[in-house]
Amino acid sequence: MKIAIIGAGNVGKTLGRRWAERGHVVSYGVRDPKDSRHDELKAQGHVAANFDVAQGADVVVLATRWQQI
């Protein structure tokens, strides 16, 4: 299954890692994909802008802080 996770904090990274361990294809949506703080995620899965990862995903998970909604 293709899963897009919008948000790359503790919750998003943990969910993505667990789903990837179970064979799912995980993509992370972030505000600035070129930011070096996302280098760790790039090793785990695809990192791109929110809109880009949501297209073509079977499931989109919103894992952002409540204040950002």
Protein backbone atom coordinates (compact mmCIF):
# COMPACT_ATOMS: atom_id res chain seq x y z
CA MET A 1 0.00 0.00 0.00
CA LYS A 2 1.22 3.54 -0.75
CA ILE A 3 1.03 5.69 2.39
CA ALA A 4 1.65 9.44 2.44
CA ILE A 5 2.38 10.97 5.82
CA ILE A 6 1.95 14.72 6.08
CA GLY A 7 4.29 15.70 8.89
CA ALA A 8 7.76 14.51 9.79
CA GLY A 9 7.80 14.86 13.56
CA ASN A 10 8.01 12.10 16.13
CA VAL A 11 4.59 10.66 15.33
CA GLY A 12 4.96 10.79 11.55
CA LYS A 13 8.45 9.25 11.60
CA THR A 14 7.42 6.46 13.96
CA LEU A 15 4.32 5.55 11.97
CA GLY A 16 6.26 5.64 8.71
CA ARG A 17 9.06 3.45 10.02
CA ARG A 18 6.63 0.84 11.36
CA TRP A 19 4.56 0.74 8.16
CA ALA A 20 7.71 0.49 6.03
CA GLU A 21 8.86 -2.46 8.16
CA ARG A 22 5.62 -4.18 7.18
CA GLY A 23 6.26 -3.67 3.48
CA HIS A 24 4.30 -0.51 2.73
CA VAL A 25 5.70 2.26 0.51
CA VAL A 26 5.93 5.37 2.68
CA SER A 27 6.31 8.98 1.52
CA TYR A 28 6.69 12.00 3.79
CA GLY A 29 5.17 15.38 3.04
CA VAL A 30 7.05 18.34 4.47
CA ARG A 31 7.07 22.11 3.94
CA ASP A 32 10.64 22.28 2.65
CA PRO A 33 11.91 18.96 1.22
CA LYS A 34 15.40 20.42 0.68
CA ASP A 35 15.86 21.18 4.39
CA SER A 36 18.78 19.17 5.77
CA ARG A 37 16.81 18.13 8.86
CA HIS A 38 14.90 15.72 6.62
CA ASP A 39 18.02 13.85 5.44
CA GLU A 40 17.31 11.03 7.90
CA LEU A 41 13.85 10.55 6.36
CA LYS A 42 15.20 10.51 2.84
CA ALA A 43 17.02 7.29 3.74
CA GLN A 44 13.74 5.76 4.94
CA GLY A 45 11.41 6.91 2.17
CA HIS A 46 10.46 9.52 -0.36
CA VAL A 47 10.36 13.13 0.93
CA ALA A 48 8.57 15.83 -1.05
CA ALA A 49 6.07 18.66 -0.73
CA ASN A 50 2.74 17.76 0.88
CA PHE A 51 0.75 17.95 -2.35
CA ASP A 52 3.24 15.76 -4.24
CA VAL A 53 3.23 12.87 -1.77
CA ALA A 54 -0.56 12.89 -1.44
CA GLN A 55 -1.08 12.35 -5.16
CA GLY A 56 -1.25 8.67 -5.96
CA ALA A 57 -1.29 7.57 -2.32
CA ASP A 58 -3.78 4.96 -1.17
CA VAL A 59 -3.87 6.53 2.30
CA VAL A 60 -2.93 10.03 3.50
CA VAL A 61 -2.15 10.42 7.21
CA LEU A 62 -2.14 13.85 8.83
CA ALA A 63 0.52 13.85 11.56
CA THR A 64 1.03 17.52 12.36
CA ARG A 65 0.82 19.46 15.59
CA TRP A 66 -2.67 20.70 16.37
CA GLN A 67 -1.51 24.34 16.24
CA GLN A 68 -0.46 23.92 12.60
CA ILE A 69 -3.86 22.93 11.31
